[in-house]
Protein backbone atom coordinates (compact mmCIF):
# COMPACT_ATOMS: atom_id res chain seq x y z
CA UNK A 1 18.15 1.15 33.39
CA UNK A 2 21.11 3.63 31.27
CA UNK A 3 19.93 6.05 28.59
CA UNK A 4 23.98 5.26 27.18
CA UNK A 5 22.59 1.11 26.88
CA UNK A 6 19.12 2.19 26.49
CA UNK A 7 20.04 4.12 22.99
CA UNK A 8 21.80 1.64 21.43
CA UNK A 9 19.50 -0.86 22.34
CA UNK A 10 16.55 0.47 21.05
CA UNK A 11 17.87 0.99 17.23
CA UNK A 12 19.38 -2.29 17.15
CA UNK A 13 15.18 -3.76 17.92
CA UNK A 14 14.51 -0.90 15.59
CA UNK A 15 16.68 -2.49 12.60
CA UNK A 16 15.40 -5.58 13.74
CA UNK A 17 12.30 -4.69 13.56
CA UNK A 18 12.19 -3.21 10.01
CA UNK A 19 14.24 -5.93 8.53
CA UNK A 20 11.20 -8.45 9.71
CA UNK A 21 8.38 -5.62 8.54
CA UNK A 22 9.98 -5.54 5.32
CA UNK A 23 9.80 -8.31 4.23
CA UNK A 24 6.05 -9.23 6.13
CA UNK A 25 7.29 -11.26 8.81
CA UNK A 26 4.97 -10.61 12.25
CA UNK A 27 7.00 -9.27 15.57
CA UNK A 28 6.54 -10.07 18.97
CA UNK A 29 8.52 -7.97 21.58
CA UNK A 30 8.88 -8.61 25.14
CA UNK A 31 10.44 -6.67 27.86
CA UNK A 32 10.15 -6.47 31.24
CA UNK A 33 10.76 -2.93 31.28
CA UNK A 34 7.27 -0.54 30.27
CA UNK A 35 9.29 2.29 29.57
CA UNK A 36 10.93 0.06 26.55
CA UNK A 37 7.94 -0.08 25.15
CA UNK A 38 6.85 2.89 25.80
CA UNK A 39 9.98 4.24 23.27
CA UNK A 40 8.96 1.63 20.87
CA UNK A 41 5.66 1.76 20.98
CA UNK A 42 6.34 5.97 19.79
CA UNK A 43 8.98 4.83 17.14
CA UNK A 44 6.16 2.44 15.14
CA UNK A 45 3.77 5.02 15.44
CA UNK A 46 6.78 7.44 14.00
CA UNK A 47 6.78 4.49 11.24
CA UNK A 48 2.50 4.08 10.96
CA UNK A 49 2.92 0.22 11.94
CA UNK A 50 0.36 -1.28 12.84
CA UNK A 51 0.73 -3.25 16.13
CA UNK A 52 -0.58 -3.74 19.32
CA UNK A 53 0.66 -3.65 22.66
CA UNK A 54 -0.63 -5.96 25.86
CA UNK A 55 0.68 -4.62 29.85
CA UNK A 56 -1.27 -4.29 33.27
CA UNK A 57 -2.93 -1.33 31.79
CA UNK A 58 -4.69 -3.47 28.92
CA UNK A 59 -8.02 -5.38 30.48
CA UNK A 60 -7.97 -8.98 30.93
CA UNK A 61 -11.64 -9.34 28.29
CA UNK A 62 -9.02 -7.50 25.40
CA UNK A 63 -5.63 -9.61 26.29
CA UNK A 64 -7.15 -12.65 24.58
CA UNK A 65 -8.87 -10.48 21.79
CA UNK A 66 -5.58 -9.55 21.26
CA UNK A 67 -3.76 -11.74 21.38
CA UNK A 68 -5.83 -13.71 18.49
CA UNK A 69 -5.61 -11.12 16.19
CA UNK A 70 -1.89 -11.80 16.31
CA UNK A 71 -1.57 -15.55 15.72
CA UNK A 72 -4.33 -15.26 13.19
CA UNK A 73 -2.40 -13.17 10.99
CA UNK A 74 -4.73 -9.57 11.23
CA UNK A 75 -2.98 -6.55 10.26
CA UNK A 76 -1.11 -6.31 13.20
CA UNK A 77 2.48 -6.80 11.95
CA UNK A 78 4.07 -5.78 15.71
CA UNK A 79 2.81 -6.82 19.51
CA UNK A 80 4.83 -5.03 22.18
CA UNK A 81 4.43 -7.04 25.98
CA UNK A 82 5.55 -6.97 29.06
CA UNK A 83 6.23 -9.63 30.46
CA UNK A 84 4.76 -9.68 34.21
CA UNK A 85 1.19 -9.59 32.70
CA UNK A 86 1.88 -13.26 30.64
CA UNK A 87 2.24 -14.57 34.57
């Protein structure tokens, strides 16, 4: 993905996530690109927000636990999901 496209897109996502988290919504973000999830993860850490990430590096036995935690509203505000892992 080109840098000139990625930066505005990431800023837009960050603003939308900020607005949702501020009103206590939970956010689920799917991406085809792990690099985009890396950027968002760094930003979420800087904001000190609780999040989970599911990608190809997530052990199979942990994936369902993370999904259940999100569905049950447990402390996690944002979930980052790499789309190919959901196939």
